[in-house]
Every structure is written in C-alpha cells, then in structure tokens.
Amino acid sequence: MIGLKQKKAHLNEIQINGGDVAKKVVYAHSFFKSTPLMYFFTINVLLKVFVFVRKSRLVR
C-alpha cells in the first residue's frame, strides 16, 4: 500500500496528583460526570478509557 500515510492517534491525558488511588478515581469520575463528553470529543469518535494503577516499591 504505497502512498498511504500513517495517521497519528489524538490522545487527551489528564493527570491527577496527590492522595490515594480511591480518592483519585472518585475525583476523576465526578469531573467527567459534570462535564459533557462532547466538550472533549466530536461525534463518531471512538472513546477508550484506560485506568492504570501502579504499585511502587520502597527501595532500601
């Protein structure tokens, strides 16, 4: 398929710092609940939501 260009994915990322994971999830849920999705996205756009939880280990 010569001549086809690679399309880059358009990503939106919101970083929430501080507190424990449960409070971050509640805050993110309340943020998206109060804001209509059409504010961020247009019609016919696939929306994928990923939640990553990372455990950190103490290094001695």
PDB file of N, CA and C in Angstrom:
ATOM      1  N   MET A   1       0.828  -1.164   0.000  1.00  0.00           N
ATOM      2  CA  MET A   1       0.000   0.000   0.000  1.00  0.00           C
ATOM      3  C   MET A   1       0.884   1.244   0.000  1.00  0.00           C
ATOM      4  N   ILE A   2       1.411   1.530  -1.102  1.00  0.00           N
ATOM      5  CA  ILE A   2       2.284   2.683  -1.247  1.00  0.00           C
ATOM      6  C   ILE A   2       1.428   3.942  -1.362  1.00  0.00           C
ATOM      7  N   GLY A   3       1.879   4.995  -0.726  1.00  0.00           N
ATOM      8  CA  GLY A   3       1.183   6.270  -0.829  1.00  0.00           C
ATOM      9  C   GLY A   3       0.226   6.556   0.312  1.00  0.00           C
ATOM     10  N   LEU A   4      -0.013   5.571   1.173  1.00  0.00           N
ATOM     11  CA  LEU A   4      -0.883   5.808   2.320  1.00  0.00           C
ATOM     12  C   LEU A   4      -0.056   6.357   3.468  1.00  0.00           C
ATOM     13  N   LYS A   5      -0.585   7.363   4.117  1.00  0.00           N
ATOM     14  CA  LYS A   5       0.134   7.978   5.224  1.00  0.00           C
ATOM     15  C   LYS A   5      -0.345   7.403   6.548  1.00  0.00           C
ATOM     16  N   GLN A   6       0.562   7.330   7.492  1.00  0.00           N
ATOM     17  CA  GLN A   6       0.240   6.877   8.845  1.00  0.00           C
ATOM     18  C   GLN A   6      -0.459   8.005   9.578  1.00  0.00           C
ATOM     19  N   LYS A   7      -1.611   7.714  10.163  1.00  0.00           N
ATOM     20  CA  LYS A   7      -2.310   8.712  10.962  1.00  0.00           C
ATOM     21  C   LYS A   7      -1.896   8.564  12.414  1.00  0.00           C
ATOM     22  N   LYS A   8      -1.659   9.676  13.061  1.00  0.00           N
ATOM     23  CA  LYS A   8      -1.305   9.654  14.476  1.00  0.00           C
ATOM     24  C   LYS A   8      -2.574   9.692  15.312  1.00  0.00           C
ATOM     25  N   ALA A   9      -2.538   8.989  16.418  1.00  0.00           N
ATOM     26  CA  ALA A   9      -3.677   8.992  17.330  1.00  0.00           C
ATOM     27  C   ALA A   9      -3.698  10.301  18.104  1.00  0.00           C
ATOM     28  N   HIS A  10      -4.884  10.828  18.294  1.00  0.00           N
ATOM     29  CA  HIS A  10      -5.054  12.047  19.078  1.00  0.00           C
ATOM     30  C   HIS A  10      -5.453  11.636  20.483  1.00  0.00           C
ATOM     31  N   LEU A  11      -4.591  11.910  21.438  1.00  0.00           N
ATOM     32  CA  LEU A  11      -4.816  11.493  22.817  1.00  0.00           C
ATOM     33  C   LEU A  11      -4.993  12.703  23.715  1.00  0.00           C
ATOM     34  N   ASN A  12      -5.884  12.549  24.665  1.00  0.00           N
ATOM     35  CA  ASN A  12      -6.054  13.553  25.714  1.00  0.00           C
ATOM     36  C   ASN A  12      -5.714  12.891  27.027  1.00  0.00           C
ATOM     37  N   GLU A  13      -4.877  13.542  27.811  1.00  0.00           N
ATOM     38  CA  GLU A  13      -4.461  12.970  29.090  1.00  0.00           C
ATOM     39  C   GLU A  13      -4.670  13.998  30.185  1.00  0.00           C
ATOM     40  N   ILE A  14      -5.259  13.543  31.259  1.00  0.00           N
ATOM     41  CA  ILE A  14      -5.445  14.394  32.426  1.00  0.00           C
ATOM     42  C   ILE A  14      -4.742  13.714  33.587  1.00  0.00           C
ATOM     43  N   GLN A  15      -3.783  14.395  34.181  1.00  0.00           N
ATOM     44  CA  GLN A  15      -3.020  13.822  35.285  1.00  0.00           C
ATOM     45  C   GLN A  15      -3.565  14.344  36.603  1.00  0.00           C
ATOM     46  N   ILE A  16      -3.802  13.427  37.536  1.00  0.00           N
ATOM     47  CA  ILE A  16      -4.296  13.779  38.864  1.00  0.00           C
ATOM     48  C   ILE A  16      -3.237  13.362  39.869  1.00  0.00           C
ATOM     49  N   ASN A  17      -2.705  14.320  40.606  1.00  0.00           N
ATOM     50  CA  ASN A  17      -1.631  14.052  41.563  1.00  0.00           C
ATOM     51  C   ASN A  17      -2.148  14.120  42.987  1.00  0.00           C
ATOM     52  N   GLY A  18      -1.449  13.429  43.882  1.00  0.00           N
ATOM     53  CA  GLY A  18      -1.724  13.521  45.312  1.00  0.00           C
ATOM     54  C   GLY A  18      -2.846  12.616  45.767  1.00  0.00           C
ATOM     55  N   GLY A  19      -2.801  12.237  47.036  1.00  0.00           N
ATOM     56  CA  GLY A  19      -3.857  11.417  47.616  1.00  0.00           C
ATOM     57  C   GLY A  19      -3.734   9.952  47.264  1.00  0.00           C
ATOM     58  N   ASP A  20      -4.686   9.180  47.765  1.00  0.00           N
ATOM     59  CA  ASP A  20      -4.668   7.754  47.458  1.00  0.00           C
ATOM     60  C   ASP A  20      -5.475   7.482  46.190  1.00  0.00           C
ATOM     61  N   VAL A  21      -5.385   6.253  45.685  1.00  0.00           N
ATOM     62  CA  VAL A  21      -5.978   5.898  44.403  1.00  0.00           C
ATOM     63  C   VAL A  21      -7.497   6.028  44.437  1.00  0.00           C
ATOM     64  N   ALA A  22      -8.123   5.638  45.539  1.00  0.00           N
ATOM     65  CA  ALA A  22      -9.586   5.692  45.625  1.00  0.00           C
ATOM     66  C   ALA A  22     -10.096   7.126  45.479  1.00  0.00           C
ATOM     67  N   LYS A  23      -9.423   8.072  46.120  1.00  0.00           N
ATOM     68  CA  LYS A  23      -9.830   9.475  46.019  1.00  0.00           C
ATOM     69  C   LYS A  23      -9.618  10.015  44.605  1.00  0.00           C
ATOM     70  N   LYS A  24      -8.555   9.565  43.939  1.00  0.00           N
ATOM     71  CA  LYS A  24      -8.305   9.997  42.567  1.00  0.00           C
ATOM     72  C   LYS A  24      -9.395   9.498  41.630  1.00  0.00           C
ATOM     73  N   VAL A  25      -9.818   8.248  41.817  1.00  0.00           N
ATOM     74  CA  VAL A  25     -10.865   7.681  40.968  1.00  0.00           C
ATOM     75  C   VAL A  25     -12.179   8.416  41.189  1.00  0.00           C
ATOM     76  N   VAL A  26     -12.515   8.699  42.439  1.00  0.00           N
ATOM     77  CA  VAL A  26     -13.750   9.433  42.745  1.00  0.00           C
ATOM     78  C   VAL A  26     -13.705  10.829  42.128  1.00  0.00           C
ATOM     79  N   TYR A  27     -12.562  11.500  42.233  1.00  0.00           N
ATOM     80  CA  TYR A  27     -12.427  12.838  41.651  1.00  0.00           C
ATOM     81  C   TYR A  27     -12.569  12.794  40.129  1.00  0.00           C
ATOM     82  N   ALA A  28     -11.897  11.840  39.477  1.00  0.00           N
ATOM     83  CA  ALA A  28     -11.977  11.731  38.019  1.00  0.00           C
ATOM     84  C   ALA A  28     -13.405  11.425  37.582  1.00  0.00           C
ATOM     85  N   HIS A  29     -14.084  10.558  38.321  1.00  0.00           N
ATOM     86  CA  HIS A  29     -15.470  10.220  37.990  1.00  0.00           C
ATOM     87  C   HIS A  29     -16.357  11.454  38.109  1.00  0.00           C
ATOM     88  N   SER A  30     -16.190  12.223  39.172  1.00  0.00           N
ATOM     89  CA  SER A  30     -17.010  13.422  39.351  1.00  0.00           C
ATOM     90  C   SER A  30     -16.683  14.479  38.294  1.00  0.00           C
ATOM     91  N   PHE A  31     -15.419  14.552  37.870  1.00  0.00           N
ATOM     92  CA  PHE A  31     -15.030  15.515  36.837  1.00  0.00           C
ATOM     93  C   PHE A  31     -15.711  15.195  35.518  1.00  0.00           C
ATOM     94  N   PHE A  32     -15.649  13.920  35.105  1.00  0.00           N
ATOM     95  CA  PHE A  32     -16.260  13.544  33.833  1.00  0.00           C
ATOM     96  C   PHE A  32     -17.777  13.506  33.913  1.00  0.00           C
ATOM     97  N   LYS A  33     -18.310  13.297  35.105  1.00  0.00           N
ATOM     98  CA  LYS A  33     -19.761  13.283  35.268  1.00  0.00           C
ATOM     99  C   LYS A  33     -20.333  14.687  35.091  1.00  0.00           C
ATOM    100  N   SER A  34     -19.604  15.699  35.542  1.00  0.00           N
ATOM    101  CA  SER A  34     -20.095  17.072  35.462  1.00  0.00           C
ATOM    102  C   SER A  34     -19.798  17.735  34.121  1.00  0.00           C
ATOM    103  N   THR A  35     -18.903  17.164  33.328  1.00  0.00           N
ATOM    104  CA  THR A  35     -18.525  17.744  32.044  1.00  0.00           C
ATOM    105  C   THR A  35     -19.048  16.862  30.918  1.00  0.00           C
ATOM    106  N   PRO A  36     -19.829  17.417  29.983  1.00  0.00           N
ATOM    107  CA  PRO A  36     -20.323  16.592  28.875  1.00  0.00           C
ATOM    108  C   PRO A  36     -19.170  16.139  27.978  1.00  0.00           C
ATOM    109  N   LEU A  37     -19.253  14.905  27.493  1.00  0.00           N
ATOM    110  CA  LEU A  37     -18.179  14.358  26.661  1.00  0.00           C
ATOM    111  C   LEU A  37     -18.023  15.114  25.349  1.00  0.00           C
ATOM    112  N   MET A  38     -19.087  15.716  24.854  1.00  0.00           N
ATOM    113  CA  MET A  38     -18.981  16.463  23.605  1.00  0.00           C
ATOM    114  C   MET A  38     -18.065  17.681  23.756  1.00  0.00           C
ATOM    115  N   TYR A  39     -17.779  18.079  24.989  1.00  0.00           N
ATOM    116  CA  TYR A  39     -16.821  19.155  25.231  1.00  0.00           C
ATOM    117  C   TYR A  39     -15.420  18.725  24.803  1.00  0.00           C
ATOM    118  N   PHE A  40     -15.104  17.440  24.971  1.00  0.00           N
ATOM    119  CA  PHE A  40     -13.779  16.916  24.641  1.00  0.00           C
ATOM    120  C   PHE A  40     -13.727  16.229  23.279  1.00  0.00           C
ATOM    121  N   PHE A  41     -14.819  15.588  22.884  1.00  0.00           N
ATOM    122  CA  PHE A  41     -14.805  14.738  21.700  1.00  0.00           C
ATOM    123  C   PHE A  41     -15.900  15.160  20.729  1.00  0.00           C
ATOM    124  N   THR A  42     -15.761  14.757  19.486  1.00  0.00           N
ATOM    125  CA  THR A  42     -16.773  15.028  18.476  1.00  0.00           C
ATOM    126  C   THR A  42     -17.557  13.762  18.191  1.00  0.00           C
ATOM    127  N   ILE A  43     -18.609  13.883  17.414  1.00  0.00           N
ATOM    128  CA  ILE A  43     -19.448  12.735  17.079  1.00  0.00           C
ATOM    129  C   ILE A  43     -18.654  11.764  16.198  1.00  0.00           C
ATOM    130  N   ASN A  44     -18.948  10.474  16.333  1.00  0.00           N
ATOM    131  CA  ASN A  44     -18.328   9.386  15.566  1.00  0.00           C
ATOM    132  C   ASN A  44     -16.852   9.193  15.893  1.00  0.00           C
ATOM    133  N   VAL A  45     -16.442   9.503  17.098  1.00  0.00           N
ATOM    134  CA  VAL A  45     -15.075   9.268  17.548  1.00  0.00           C
ATOM    135  C   VAL A  45     -15.118   8.197  18.623  1.00  0.00           C
ATOM    136  N   LEU A  46     -14.284   7.196  18.489  1.00  0.00           N
ATOM    137  CA  LEU A  46     -14.229   6.111  19.459  1.00  0.00           C
ATOM    138  C   LEU A  46     -13.543   6.595  20.729  1.00  0.00           C
ATOM    139  N   LEU A  47     -14.157   6.305  21.854  1.00  0.00           N
ATOM    140  CA  LEU A  47     -13.627   6.736  23.144  1.00  0.00           C
ATOM    141  C   LEU A  47     -13.189   5.514  23.926  1.00  0.00           C
ATOM    142  N   LYS A  48     -11.930   5.469  24.294  1.00  0.00           N
ATOM    143  CA  LYS A  48     -11.403   4.398  25.128  1.00  0.00           C
ATOM    144  C   LYS A  48     -10.869   5.022  26.401  1.00  0.00           C
ATOM    145  N   VAL A  49     -11.229   4.439  27.509  1.00  0.00           N
ATOM    146  CA  VAL A  49     -10.770   4.946  28.794  1.00  0.00           C
ATOM    147  C   VAL A  49      -9.919   3.871  29.439  1.00  0.00           C
ATOM    148  N   PHE A  50      -8.710   4.213  29.779  1.00  0.00           N
ATOM    149  CA  PHE A  50      -7.798   3.291  30.431  1.00  0.00           C
ATOM    150  C   PHE A  50      -7.493   3.810  31.826  1.00  0.00           C
ATOM    151  N   VAL A  51      -7.550   2.931  32.787  1.00  0.00           N
ATOM    152  CA  VAL A  51      -7.193   3.278  34.151  1.00  0.00           C
ATOM    153  C   VAL A  51      -5.982   2.437  34.514  1.00  0.00           C
ATOM    154  N   PHE A  52      -4.889   3.093  34.812  1.00  0.00           N
ATOM    155  CA  PHE A  52      -3.665   2.402  35.180  1.00  0.00           C
ATOM    156  C   PHE A  52      -3.399   2.628  36.660  1.00  0.00           C
ATOM    157  N   VAL A  53      -3.134   1.555  37.357  1.00  0.00           N
ATOM    158  CA  VAL A  53      -2.767   1.638  38.766  1.00  0.00           C
ATOM    159  C   VAL A  53      -1.366   1.068  38.880  1.00  0.00           C
ATOM    160  N   ARG A  54      -0.462   1.869  39.400  1.00  0.00           N
ATOM    161  CA  ARG A  54       0.926   1.439  39.517  1.00  0.00           C
ATOM    162  C   ARG A  54       1.269   1.327  40.992  1.00  0.00           C
ATOM    163  N   LYS A  55       1.833   0.194  41.351  1.00  0.00           N
ATOM    164  CA  LYS A  55       2.293  -0.004  42.719  1.00  0.00           C
ATOM    165  C   LYS A  55       3.775   0.342  42.778  1.00  0.00           C
ATOM    166  N   SER A  56       4.129   1.159  43.736  1.00  0.00           N
ATOM    167  CA  SER A  56       5.541   1.497  43.899  1.00  0.00           C
ATOM    168  C   SER A  56       6.116   0.691  45.055  1.00  0.00           C
ATOM    169  N   ARG A  57       7.373   0.364  44.932  1.00  0.00           N
ATOM    170  CA  ARG A  57       8.067  -0.398  45.971  1.00  0.00           C
ATOM    171  C   ARG A  57       9.104   0.494  46.625  1.00  0.00           C
ATOM    172  N   LEU A  58       9.254   0.313  47.900  1.00  0.00           N
ATOM    173  CA  LEU A  58      10.275   1.071  48.616  1.00  0.00           C
ATOM    174  C   LEU A  58      11.642   0.455  48.359  1.00  0.00           C
ATOM    175  N   VAL A  59      12.594   1.284  48.021  1.00  0.00           N
ATOM    176  CA  VAL A  59      13.950   0.817  47.752  1.00  0.00           C
ATOM    177  C   VAL A  59      14.797   1.129  48.973  1.00  0.00           C
ATOM    178  N   ARG A  60      15.469   0.115  49.478  1.00  0.00           N
ATOM    179  CA  ARG A  60      16.305   0.311  50.665  1.00  0.00           C
ATOM    180  C   ARG A  60      17.730   0.540  50.278  1.00  0.00           C
TER     181      ARG A  60
END
